[in-house]
C-alpha cells in the first residue's frame, strides 16, 4: 500500500513513505489535486515537508517521487513511490493492512 489514512485521528490527511527521509510524510486533503490510481498517484502542486533532519521538497507524479535540489538529503530525481513499511502502517492504523474503503476518499 503506497497511500494510507491515519484511521484514529487526522482523518482528512493521507500519508506516504518517503524513502529519502525514511519516515511518513503527510498529504493534506485540502489544497492539492489528486489524479491517478492508488498505486500510481499524481498530486499537484509539489510538497514541502519539514522533518527533524531538514526540509524535503518533492512532487508525486504517476507513482514517482521527484526530489528537488533544495531538499536536505542527497536523493535527487525520480524514485518509485514505495509501499508503506508494515511497522509504519501499524502506527497509522493498528494493522498491517487497510481496506480500500478506508483509504483516502477522493
PDB file of N, CA and C in Angstrom:
ATOM      1  N   UNK A   1       0.845  -1.176   0.000  1.00  0.00           N
ATOM      2  CA  UNK A   1       0.000   0.000   0.000  1.00  0.00           C
ATOM      3  C   UNK A   1       0.892   1.240   0.000  1.00  0.00           C
ATOM      4  N   UNK A   2       0.674   2.096  -0.980  1.00  0.00           N
ATOM      5  CA  UNK A   2       1.511   3.284  -1.145  1.00  0.00           C
ATOM      6  C   UNK A   2       0.947   4.512  -0.436  1.00  0.00           C
ATOM      7  N   UNK A   3      -0.375   4.543  -0.217  1.00  0.00           N
ATOM      8  CA  UNK A   3      -1.051   5.659   0.443  1.00  0.00           C
ATOM      9  C   UNK A   3      -1.954   5.104   1.531  1.00  0.00           C
ATOM     10  N   UNK A   4      -2.009   5.779   2.677  1.00  0.00           N
ATOM     11  CA  UNK A   4      -2.888   5.324   3.753  1.00  0.00           C
ATOM     12  C   UNK A   4      -3.323   6.496   4.615  1.00  0.00           C
ATOM     13  N   UNK A   5      -4.568   6.453   5.100  1.00  0.00           N
ATOM     14  CA  UNK A   5      -5.013   7.480   6.047  1.00  0.00           C
ATOM     15  C   UNK A   5      -4.623   7.070   7.459  1.00  0.00           C
ATOM     16  N   UNK A   6      -4.654   8.040   8.354  1.00  0.00           N
ATOM     17  CA  UNK A   6      -4.496   7.752   9.775  1.00  0.00           C
ATOM     18  C   UNK A   6      -5.896   7.533  10.310  1.00  0.00           C
ATOM     19  N   UNK A   7      -6.209   6.305  10.614  1.00  0.00           N
ATOM     20  CA  UNK A   7      -7.585   5.930  10.963  1.00  0.00           C
ATOM     21  C   UNK A   7      -8.051   6.574  12.262  1.00  0.00           C
ATOM     22  N   UNK A   8      -7.204   6.622  13.290  1.00  0.00           N
ATOM     23  CA  UNK A   8      -7.641   7.082  14.605  1.00  0.00           C
ATOM     24  C   UNK A   8      -7.839   8.588  14.694  1.00  0.00           C
ATOM     25  N   UNK A   9      -7.039   9.351  13.999  1.00  0.00           N
ATOM     26  CA  UNK A   9      -7.165  10.802  14.033  1.00  0.00           C
ATOM     27  C   UNK A   9      -6.666  11.370  12.711  1.00  0.00           C
ATOM     28  N   UNK A  10      -6.794  12.657  12.520  1.00  0.00           N
ATOM     29  CA  UNK A  10      -6.338  13.308  11.285  1.00  0.00           C
ATOM     30  C   UNK A  10      -6.921  12.627  10.064  1.00  0.00           C
ATOM     31  N   UNK A  11      -8.223  12.343  10.096  1.00  0.00           N
ATOM     32  CA  UNK A  11      -8.846  11.592   9.017  1.00  0.00           C
ATOM     33  C   UNK A  11      -8.862  12.332   7.693  1.00  0.00           C
ATOM     34  N   UNK A  12      -8.569  13.614   7.718  1.00  0.00           N
ATOM     35  CA  UNK A  12      -8.552  14.373   6.472  1.00  0.00           C
ATOM     36  C   UNK A  12      -7.168  14.390   5.843  1.00  0.00           C
ATOM     37  N   UNK A  13      -6.267  13.554   6.325  1.00  0.00           N
ATOM     38  CA  UNK A  13      -4.907  13.530   5.794  1.00  0.00           C
ATOM     39  C   UNK A  13      -4.556  12.138   5.293  1.00  0.00           C
ATOM     40  N   UNK A  14      -3.711  12.117   4.294  1.00  0.00           N
ATOM     41  CA  UNK A  14      -3.229  10.887   3.705  1.00  0.00           C
ATOM     42  C   UNK A  14      -1.714  10.854   3.883  1.00  0.00           C
ATOM     43  N   UNK A  15      -1.150   9.673   4.074  1.00  0.00           N
ATOM     44  CA  UNK A  15       0.282   9.531   4.315  1.00  0.00           C
ATOM     45  C   UNK A  15       0.926   8.638   3.269  1.00  0.00           C
ATOM     46  N   UNK A  16       2.224   8.886   3.033  1.00  0.00           N
ATOM     47  CA  UNK A  16       3.033   8.008   2.189  1.00  0.00           C
ATOM     48  C   UNK A  16       4.418   7.913   2.823  1.00  0.00           C
ATOM     49  N   UNK A  17       5.170   6.909   2.411  1.00  0.00           N
ATOM     50  CA  UNK A  17       6.510   6.697   2.932  1.00  0.00           C
ATOM     51  C   UNK A  17       7.507   7.428   2.053  1.00  0.00           C
ATOM     52  N   UNK A  18       8.400   8.184   2.682  1.00  0.00           N
ATOM     53  CA  UNK A  18       9.469   8.869   1.966  1.00  0.00           C
ATOM     54  C   UNK A  18      10.747   8.046   2.127  1.00  0.00           C
ATOM     55  N   UNK A  19      11.253   7.449   1.038  1.00  0.00           N
ATOM     56  CA  UNK A  19      12.460   6.635   1.161  1.00  0.00           C
ATOM     57  C   UNK A  19      13.718   7.460   1.431  1.00  0.00           C
ATOM     58  N   UNK A  20      13.708   8.731   1.094  1.00  0.00           N
ATOM     59  CA  UNK A  20      14.872   9.583   1.357  1.00  0.00           C
ATOM     60  C   UNK A  20      14.954   9.957   2.830  1.00  0.00           C
ATOM     61  N   UNK A  21      13.832  10.302   3.442  1.00  0.00           N
ATOM     62  CA  UNK A  21      13.801  10.683   4.861  1.00  0.00           C
ATOM     63  C   UNK A  21      13.598   9.477   5.774  1.00  0.00           C
ATOM     64  N   UNK A  22      13.143   8.361   5.185  1.00  0.00           N
ATOM     65  CA  UNK A  22      12.821   7.145   5.924  1.00  0.00           C
ATOM     66  C   UNK A  22      11.802   7.412   7.016  1.00  0.00           C
ATOM     67  N   UNK A  23      10.732   8.113   6.612  1.00  0.00           N
ATOM     68  CA  UNK A  23       9.645   8.425   7.530  1.00  0.00           C
ATOM     69  C   UNK A  23       8.364   8.646   6.734  1.00  0.00           C
ATOM     70  N   UNK A  24       7.238   8.719   7.438  1.00  0.00           N
ATOM     71  CA  UNK A  24       5.967   9.042   6.814  1.00  0.00           C
ATOM     72  C   UNK A  24       5.882  10.534   6.545  1.00  0.00           C
ATOM     73  N   UNK A  25       5.327  10.901   5.404  1.00  0.00           N
ATOM     74  CA  UNK A  25       5.028  12.293   5.084  1.00  0.00           C
ATOM     75  C   UNK A  25       3.519  12.409   4.883  1.00  0.00           C
ATOM     76  N   UNK A  26       2.980  13.553   5.240  1.00  0.00           N
ATOM     77  CA  UNK A  26       1.542  13.801   5.160  1.00  0.00           C
ATOM     78  C   UNK A  26       1.199  14.511   3.849  1.00  0.00           C
ATOM     79  N   UNK A  27       0.048  14.134   3.297  1.00  0.00           N
ATOM     80  CA  UNK A  27      -0.543  14.833   2.157  1.00  0.00           C
ATOM     81  C   UNK A  27      -1.883  15.366   2.648  1.00  0.00           C
ATOM     82  N   UNK A  28      -1.981  16.653   2.920  1.00  0.00           N
ATOM     83  CA  UNK A  28      -3.250  17.205   3.397  1.00  0.00           C
ATOM     84  C   UNK A  28      -4.351  17.064   2.340  1.00  0.00           C
ATOM     85  N   UNK A  29      -5.577  16.986   2.781  1.00  0.00           N
ATOM     86  CA  UNK A  29      -6.706  16.826   1.865  1.00  0.00           C
ATOM     87  C   UNK A  29      -6.924  18.097   1.051  1.00  0.00           C
ATOM     88  N   UNK A  30      -6.841  19.227   1.692  1.00  0.00           N
ATOM     89  CA  UNK A  30      -7.172  20.488   1.026  1.00  0.00           C
ATOM     90  C   UNK A  30      -5.939  21.145   0.422  1.00  0.00           C
ATOM     91  N   UNK A  31      -6.119  21.690  -0.790  1.00  0.00           N
ATOM     92  CA  UNK A  31      -5.051  22.436  -1.426  1.00  0.00           C
ATOM     93  C   UNK A  31      -4.280  21.674  -2.487  1.00  0.00           C
ATOM     94  N   UNK A  32      -4.537  20.372  -2.626  1.00  0.00           N
ATOM     95  CA  UNK A  32      -3.845  19.573  -3.622  1.00  0.00           C
ATOM     96  C   UNK A  32      -4.865  18.844  -4.487  1.00  0.00           C
ATOM     97  N   UNK A  33      -4.495  18.654  -5.729  1.00  0.00           N
ATOM     98  CA  UNK A  33      -5.326  17.896  -6.660  1.00  0.00           C
ATOM     99  C   UNK A  33      -4.728  16.509  -6.807  1.00  0.00           C
ATOM    100  N   UNK A  34      -5.592  15.495  -6.757  1.00  0.00           N
ATOM    101  CA  UNK A  34      -5.142  14.114  -6.895  1.00  0.00           C
ATOM    102  C   UNK A  34      -5.759  13.501  -8.135  1.00  0.00           C
ATOM    103  N   UNK A  35      -4.930  12.853  -8.945  1.00  0.00           N
ATOM    104  CA  UNK A  35      -5.386  12.057 -10.081  1.00  0.00           C
ATOM    105  C   UNK A  35      -4.627  10.738 -10.044  1.00  0.00           C
ATOM    106  N   UNK A  36      -4.968   9.841 -10.936  1.00  0.00           N
ATOM    107  CA  UNK A  36      -4.285   8.549 -10.996  1.00  0.00           C
ATOM    108  C   UNK A  36      -4.901   7.546 -10.046  1.00  0.00           C
ATOM    109  N   UNK A  37      -4.231   6.421  -9.900  1.00  0.00           N
ATOM    110  CA  UNK A  37      -4.700   5.329  -9.056  1.00  0.00           C
ATOM    111  C   UNK A  37      -3.971   5.338  -7.719  1.00  0.00           C
ATOM    112  N   UNK A  38      -4.398   4.474  -6.800  1.00  0.00           N
ATOM    113  CA  UNK A  38      -3.714   4.370  -5.514  1.00  0.00           C
ATOM    114  C   UNK A  38      -2.264   3.909  -5.686  1.00  0.00           C
ATOM    115  N   UNK A  39      -1.988   3.090  -6.702  1.00  0.00           N
ATOM    116  CA  UNK A  39      -0.624   2.616  -6.937  1.00  0.00           C
ATOM    117  C   UNK A  39       0.222   3.586  -7.745  1.00  0.00           C
ATOM    118  N   UNK A  40      -0.431   4.454  -8.543  1.00  0.00           N
ATOM    119  CA  UNK A  40       0.307   5.417  -9.371  1.00  0.00           C
ATOM    120  C   UNK A  40      -0.346   6.788  -9.286  1.00  0.00           C
ATOM    121  N   UNK A  41      -0.339   7.365  -8.075  1.00  0.00           N
ATOM    122  CA  UNK A  41      -0.995   8.663  -7.892  1.00  0.00           C
ATOM    123  C   UNK A  41      -0.171   9.823  -8.443  1.00  0.00           C
ATOM    124  N   UNK A  42      -0.890  10.892  -8.748  1.00  0.00           N
ATOM    125  CA  UNK A  42      -0.275  12.176  -9.081  1.00  0.00           C
ATOM    126  C   UNK A  42      -0.936  13.225  -8.213  1.00  0.00           C
ATOM    127  N   UNK A  43      -0.137  14.066  -7.584  1.00  0.00           N
ATOM    128  CA  UNK A  43      -0.636  15.170  -6.773  1.00  0.00           C
ATOM    129  C   UNK A  43      -0.009  16.465  -7.279  1.00  0.00           C
ATOM    130  N   UNK A  44      -0.792  17.511  -7.321  1.00  0.00           N
ATOM    131  CA  UNK A  44      -0.262  18.838  -7.652  1.00  0.00           C
ATOM    132  C   UNK A  44      -0.813  19.829  -6.652  1.00  0.00           C
ATOM    133  N   UNK A  45      -0.056  20.821  -6.237  1.00  0.00           N
ATOM    134  CA  UNK A  45       1.329  21.137  -6.607  1.00  0.00           C
ATOM    135  C   UNK A  45       2.324  20.273  -5.843  1.00  0.00           C
ATOM    136  N   UNK A  46       3.578  20.723  -5.745  1.00  0.00           N
ATOM    137  CA  UNK A  46       4.624  19.985  -5.034  1.00  0.00           C
ATOM    138  C   UNK A  46       4.387  20.055  -3.522  1.00  0.00           C
ATOM    139  N   UNK A  47       5.138  19.234  -2.793  1.00  0.00           N
ATOM    140  CA  UNK A  47       5.048  19.173  -1.337  1.00  0.00           C
ATOM    141  C   UNK A  47       6.366  19.601  -0.717  1.00  0.00           C
ATOM    142  N   UNK A  48       6.276  20.262   0.411  1.00  0.00           N
ATOM    143  CA  UNK A  48       7.440  20.579   1.230  1.00  0.00           C
ATOM    144  C   UNK A  48       7.178  20.065   2.623  1.00  0.00           C
ATOM    145  N   UNK A  49       8.056  19.211   3.114  1.00  0.00           N
ATOM    146  CA  UNK A  49       7.912  18.638   4.451  1.00  0.00           C
ATOM    147  C   UNK A  49       9.129  19.031   5.274  1.00  0.00           C
ATOM    148  N   UNK A  50       8.898  19.542   6.455  1.00  0.00           N
ATOM    149  CA  UNK A  50       9.999  19.832   7.367  1.00  0.00           C
ATOM    150  C   UNK A  50      10.061  18.703   8.384  1.00  0.00           C
ATOM    151  N   UNK A  51      11.204  18.042   8.439  1.00  0.00           N
ATOM    152  CA  UNK A  51      11.408  16.953   9.392  1.00  0.00           C
ATOM    153  C   UNK A  51      12.455  17.386  10.400  1.00  0.00           C
ATOM    154  N   UNK A  52      12.759  16.513  11.340  1.00  0.00           N
ATOM    155  CA  UNK A  52      13.806  16.820  12.325  1.00  0.00           C
ATOM    156  C   UNK A  52      15.162  16.993  11.651  1.00  0.00           C
ATOM    157  N   UNK A  53      15.327  16.372  10.500  1.00  0.00           N
ATOM    158  CA  UNK A  53      16.609  16.427   9.797  1.00  0.00           C
ATOM    159  C   UNK A  53      16.738  17.642   8.880  1.00  0.00           C
ATOM    160  N   UNK A  54      15.606  18.161   8.383  1.00  0.00           N
ATOM    161  CA  UNK A  54      15.667  19.284   7.450  1.00  0.00           C
ATOM    162  C   UNK A  54      14.434  19.343   6.567  1.00  0.00           C
ATOM    163  N   UNK A  55      14.585  20.007   5.429  1.00  0.00           N
ATOM    164  CA  UNK A  55      13.469  20.253   4.515  1.00  0.00           C
ATOM    165  C   UNK A  55      13.515  19.260   3.364  1.00  0.00           C
ATOM    166  N   UNK A  56      12.374  18.644   3.053  1.00  0.00           N
ATOM    167  CA  UNK A  56      12.246  17.691   1.956  1.00  0.00           C
ATOM    168  C   UNK A  56      11.217  18.261   0.980  1.00  0.00           C
ATOM    169  N   UNK A  57      11.603  18.453  -0.277  1.00  0.00           N
ATOM    170  CA  UNK A  57      10.739  19.068  -1.284  1.00  0.00           C
ATOM    171  C   UNK A  57      10.639  18.127  -2.477  1.00  0.00           C
ATOM    172  N   UNK A  58       9.401  17.813  -2.891  1.00  0.00           N
ATOM    173  CA  UNK A  58       9.211  16.811  -3.936  1.00  0.00           C
ATOM    174  C   UNK A  58       7.857  16.950  -4.612  1.00  0.00           C
ATOM    175  N   UNK A  59       7.743  16.314  -5.761  1.00  0.00           N
ATOM    176  CA  UNK A  59       6.479  16.128  -6.472  1.00  0.00           C
ATOM    177  C   UNK A  59       6.176  14.639  -6.479  1.00  0.00           C
ATOM    178  N   UNK A  60       4.891  14.298  -6.552  1.00  0.00           N
ATOM    179  CA  UNK A  60       4.481  12.915  -6.792  1.00  0.00           C
ATOM    180  C   UNK A  60       3.738  12.920  -8.119  1.00  0.00           C
ATOM    181  N   UNK A  61       4.311  12.221  -9.114  1.00  0.00           N
ATOM    182  CA  UNK A  61       3.737  12.171 -10.453  1.00  0.00           C
ATOM    183  C   UNK A  61       3.756  10.734 -10.961  1.00  0.00           C
ATOM    184  N   UNK A  62       2.576  10.224 -11.278  1.00  0.00           N
ATOM    185  CA  UNK A  62       2.431   8.878 -11.840  1.00  0.00           C
ATOM    186  C   UNK A  62       3.175   7.828 -11.011  1.00  0.00           C
ATOM    187  N   UNK A  63       3.036   7.925  -9.689  1.00  0.00           N
ATOM    188  CA  UNK A  63       3.641   6.943  -8.798  1.00  0.00           C
ATOM    189  C   UNK A  63       5.131   7.112  -8.584  1.00  0.00           C
ATOM    190  N   UNK A  64       5.680   8.247  -8.997  1.00  0.00           N
ATOM    191  CA  UNK A  64       7.103   8.529  -8.826  1.00  0.00           C
ATOM    192  C   UNK A  64       7.279   9.764  -7.937  1.00  0.00           C
ATOM    193  N   UNK A  65       8.236   9.694  -7.038  1.00  0.00           N
ATOM    194  CA  UNK A  65       8.640  10.860  -6.258  1.00  0.00           C
ATOM    195  C   UNK A  65       9.747  11.555  -7.040  1.00  0.00           C
ATOM    196  N   UNK A  66       9.632  12.863  -7.211  1.00  0.00           N
ATOM    197  CA  UNK A  66      10.706  13.644  -7.813  1.00  0.00           C
ATOM    198  C   UNK A  66      11.225  14.593  -6.747  1.00  0.00           C
ATOM    199  N   UNK A  67      12.455  14.350  -6.283  1.00  0.00           N
ATOM    200  CA  UNK A  67      13.047  15.158  -5.224  1.00  0.00           C
ATOM    201  C   UNK A  67      13.760  16.364  -5.820  1.00  0.00           C
ATOM    202  N   UNK A  68      13.442  17.541  -5.292  1.00  0.00           N
ATOM    203  CA  UNK A  68      14.034  18.799  -5.759  1.00  0.00           C
ATOM    204  C   UNK A  68      15.395  19.028  -5.104  1.00  0.00           C
ATOM    205  N   UNK A  69      16.188  19.886  -5.714  1.00  0.00           N
ATOM    206  CA  UNK A  69      17.548  20.138  -5.233  1.00  0.00           C
ATOM    207  C   UNK A  69      17.599  20.874  -3.893  1.00  0.00           C
ATOM    208  N   UNK A  70      16.489  21.502  -3.480  1.00  0.00           N
ATOM    209  CA  UNK A  70      16.508  22.204  -2.190  1.00  0.00           C
ATOM    210  C   UNK A  70      16.206  21.287  -1.008  1.00  0.00           C
ATOM    211  N   UNK A  71      16.099  19.976  -1.256  1.00  0.00           N
ATOM    212  CA  UNK A  71      15.914  19.015  -0.160  1.00  0.00           C
ATOM    213  C   UNK A  71      17.231  18.813   0.567  1.00  0.00           C
ATOM    214  N   UNK A  72      17.154  18.548   1.865  1.00  0.00           N
ATOM    215  CA  UNK A  72      18.359  18.394   2.679  1.00  0.00           C
ATOM    216  C   UNK A  72      19.128  17.124   2.356  1.00  0.00           C
ATOM    217  N   UNK A  73      18.463  16.088   1.902  1.00  0.00           N
ATOM    218  CA  UNK A  73      19.115  14.798   1.689  1.00  0.00           C
ATOM    219  C   UNK A  73      19.758  14.738   0.304  1.00  0.00           C
ATOM    220  N   UNK A  74      20.531  13.702   0.083  1.00  0.00           N
ATOM    221  CA  UNK A  74      21.275  13.587  -1.173  1.00  0.00           C
ATOM    222  C   UNK A  74      20.465  12.938  -2.295  1.00  0.00           C
ATOM    223  N   UNK A  75      19.277  12.440  -1.998  1.00  0.00           N
ATOM    224  CA  UNK A  75      18.452  11.823  -3.037  1.00  0.00           C
ATOM    225  C   UNK A  75      17.909  12.916  -3.946  1.00  0.00           C
ATOM    226  N   UNK A  76      18.088  12.747  -5.245  1.00  0.00           N
ATOM    227  CA  UNK A  76      17.600  13.700  -6.240  1.00  0.00           C
ATOM    228  C   UNK A  76      16.928  12.930  -7.362  1.00  0.00           C
ATOM    229  N   UNK A  77      16.076  13.601  -8.102  1.00  0.00           N
ATOM    230  CA  UNK A  77      15.438  12.998  -9.264  1.00  0.00           C
ATOM    231  C   UNK A  77      14.315  12.051  -8.894  1.00  0.00           C
ATOM    232  N   UNK A  78      13.998  11.126  -9.796  1.00  0.00           N
ATOM    233  CA  UNK A  78      12.853  10.229  -9.644  1.00  0.00           C
ATOM    234  C   UNK A  78      13.187   8.972  -8.856  1.00  0.00           C
ATOM    235  N   UNK A  79      12.262   8.624  -7.969  1.00  0.00           N
ATOM    236  CA  UNK A  79      12.318   7.396  -7.190  1.00  0.00           C
ATOM    237  C   UNK A  79      10.889   6.869  -7.144  1.00  0.00           C
ATOM    238  N   UNK A  80      10.706   5.571  -7.343  1.00  0.00           N
ATOM    239  CA  UNK A  80       9.367   4.990  -7.277  1.00  0.00           C
ATOM    240  C   UNK A  80       8.779   5.185  -5.881  1.00  0.00           C
ATOM    241  N   UNK A  81       7.500   5.557  -5.825  1.00  0.00           N
ATOM    242  CA  UNK A  81       6.801   5.691  -4.546  1.00  0.00           C
ATOM    243  C   UNK A  81       6.702   4.296  -3.928  1.00  0.00           C
ATOM    244  N   UNK A  82       7.356   4.078  -2.773  1.00  0.00           N
ATOM    245  CA  UNK A  82       7.375   2.732  -2.198  1.00  0.00           C
ATOM    246  C   UNK A  82       6.108   2.422  -1.401  1.00  0.00           C
ATOM    247  N   UNK A  83       5.908   1.137  -1.128  1.00  0.00           N
ATOM    248  CA  UNK A  83       4.860   0.744  -0.193  1.00  0.00           C
ATOM    249  C   UNK A  83       5.243   1.246   1.194  1.00  0.00           C
ATOM    250  N   UNK A  84       4.232   1.549   1.997  1.00  0.00           N
ATOM    251  CA  UNK A  84       4.476   1.944   3.385  1.00  0.00           C
ATOM    252  C   UNK A  84       4.924   0.696   4.144  1.00  0.00           C
ATOM    253  N   UNK A  85       6.054   0.753   4.854  1.00  0.00           N
ATOM    254  CA  UNK A  85       6.512  -0.418   5.612  1.00  0.00           C
ATOM    255  C   UNK A  85       5.460  -0.861   6.638  1.00  0.00           C
ATOM    256  N   UNK A  86       5.359  -2.171   6.879  1.00  0.00           N
ATOM    257  CA  UNK A  86       4.358  -2.677   7.821  1.00  0.00           C
ATOM    258  C   UNK A  86       4.384  -2.013   9.193  1.00  0.00           C
ATOM    259  N   UNK A  87       5.569  -1.751   9.745  1.00  0.00           N
ATOM    260  CA  UNK A  87       5.646  -1.125  11.075  1.00  0.00           C
ATOM    261  C   UNK A  87       5.040   0.274  11.054  1.00  0.00           C
ATOM    262  N   UNK A  88       5.268   1.036   9.992  1.00  0.00           N
ATOM    263  CA  UNK A  88       4.694   2.383   9.891  1.00  0.00           C
ATOM    264  C   UNK A  88       3.188   2.302   9.680  1.00  0.00           C
ATOM    265  N   UNK A  89       2.727   1.325   8.915  1.00  0.00           N
ATOM    266  CA  UNK A  89       1.291   1.147   8.706  1.00  0.00           C
ATOM    267  C   UNK A  89       0.591   0.791  10.017  1.00  0.00           C
ATOM    268  N   UNK A  90       1.237  -0.015  10.844  1.00  0.00           N
ATOM    269  CA  UNK A  90       0.669  -0.343  12.164  1.00  0.00           C
ATOM    270  C   UNK A  90       0.557   0.906  13.024  1.00  0.00           C
ATOM    271  N   UNK A  91       1.559   1.798  12.957  1.00  0.00           N
ATOM    272  CA  UNK A  91       1.496   3.043  13.732  1.00  0.00           C
ATOM    273  C   UNK A  91       0.306   3.885  13.283  1.00  0.00           C
ATOM    274  N   UNK A  92       0.017   3.897  11.985  1.00  0.00           N
ATOM    275  CA  UNK A  92      -1.100   4.684  11.477  1.00  0.00           C
ATOM    276  C   UNK A  92      -2.444   4.056  11.807  1.00  0.00           C
ATOM    277  N   UNK A  93      -2.547   2.755  11.646  1.00  0.00           N
ATOM    278  CA  UNK A  93      -3.855   2.110  11.638  1.00  0.00           C
ATOM    279  C   UNK A  93      -4.037   0.960  12.615  1.00  0.00           C
ATOM    280  N   UNK A  94      -2.992   0.583  13.301  1.00  0.00           N
ATOM    281  CA  UNK A  94      -3.111  -0.541  14.217  1.00  0.00           C
ATOM    282  C   UNK A  94      -3.215  -1.877  13.506  1.00  0.00           C
ATOM    283  N   UNK A  95      -2.884  -1.908  12.216  1.00  0.00           N
ATOM    284  CA  UNK A  95      -2.959  -3.149  11.450  1.00  0.00           C
ATOM    285  C   UNK A  95      -1.965  -3.079  10.298  1.00  0.00           C
ATOM    286  N   UNK A  96      -1.622  -4.247   9.759  1.00  0.00           N
ATOM    287  CA  UNK A  96      -0.704  -4.294   8.621  1.00  0.00           C
ATOM    288  C   UNK A  96      -1.409  -3.982   7.314  1.00  0.00           C
ATOM    289  N   UNK A  97      -2.724  -4.049   7.290  1.00  0.00           N
ATOM    290  CA  UNK A  97      -3.454  -3.847   6.046  1.00  0.00           C
ATOM    291  C   UNK A  97      -4.648  -2.935   6.298  1.00  0.00           C
ATOM    292  N   UNK A  98      -4.918  -2.067   5.376  1.00  0.00           N
ATOM    293  CA  UNK A  98      -6.071  -1.175   5.449  1.00  0.00           C
ATOM    294  C   UNK A  98      -6.933  -1.474   4.237  1.00  0.00           C
ATOM    295  N   UNK A  99      -8.213  -1.669   4.438  1.00  0.00           N
ATOM    296  CA  UNK A  99      -9.081  -1.985   3.307  1.00  0.00           C
ATOM    297  C   UNK A  99      -9.243  -0.784   2.397  1.00  0.00           C
ATOM    298  N   UNK A 100      -9.634  -1.044   1.163  1.00  0.00           N
ATOM    299  CA  UNK A 100      -9.761   0.036   0.196  1.00  0.00           C
ATOM    300  C   UNK A 100     -10.829   1.041   0.612  1.00  0.00           C
ATOM    301  N   UNK A 101     -11.844   0.619   1.374  1.00  0.00           N
ATOM    302  CA  UNK A 101     -12.869   1.549   1.837  1.00  0.00           C
ATOM    303  C   UNK A 101     -12.314   2.572   2.811  1.00  0.00           C
ATOM    304  N   UNK A 102     -11.233   2.200   3.507  1.00  0.00           N
ATOM    305  CA  UNK A 102     -10.645   3.100   4.490  1.00  0.00           C
ATOM    306  C   UNK A 102      -9.619   4.053   3.882  1.00  0.00           C
ATOM    307  N   UNK A 103      -9.184   3.761   2.674  1.00  0.00           N
ATOM    308  CA  UNK A 103      -8.188   4.605   2.018  1.00  0.00           C
ATOM    309  C   UNK A 103      -8.828   5.943   1.675  1.00  0.00           C
ATOM    310  N   UNK A 104      -8.018   6.975   1.700  1.00  0.00           N
ATOM    311  CA  UNK A 104      -8.433   8.350   1.431  1.00  0.00           C
ATOM    312  C   UNK A 104      -9.536   8.435   0.379  1.00  0.00           C
ATOM    313  N   UNK A 105     -10.607   9.080   0.732  1.00  0.00           N
ATOM    314  CA  UNK A 105     -11.741   9.264  -0.171  1.00  0.00           C
ATOM    315  C   UNK A 105     -11.438  10.365  -1.167  1.00  0.00           C
ATOM    316  N   UNK A 106     -11.649  10.076  -2.447  1.00  0.00           N
ATOM    317  CA  UNK A 106     -11.374  11.086  -3.480  1.00  0.00           C
ATOM    318  C   UNK A 106     -12.494  12.069  -3.578  1.00  0.00           C
TER     319      UNK A 106
END
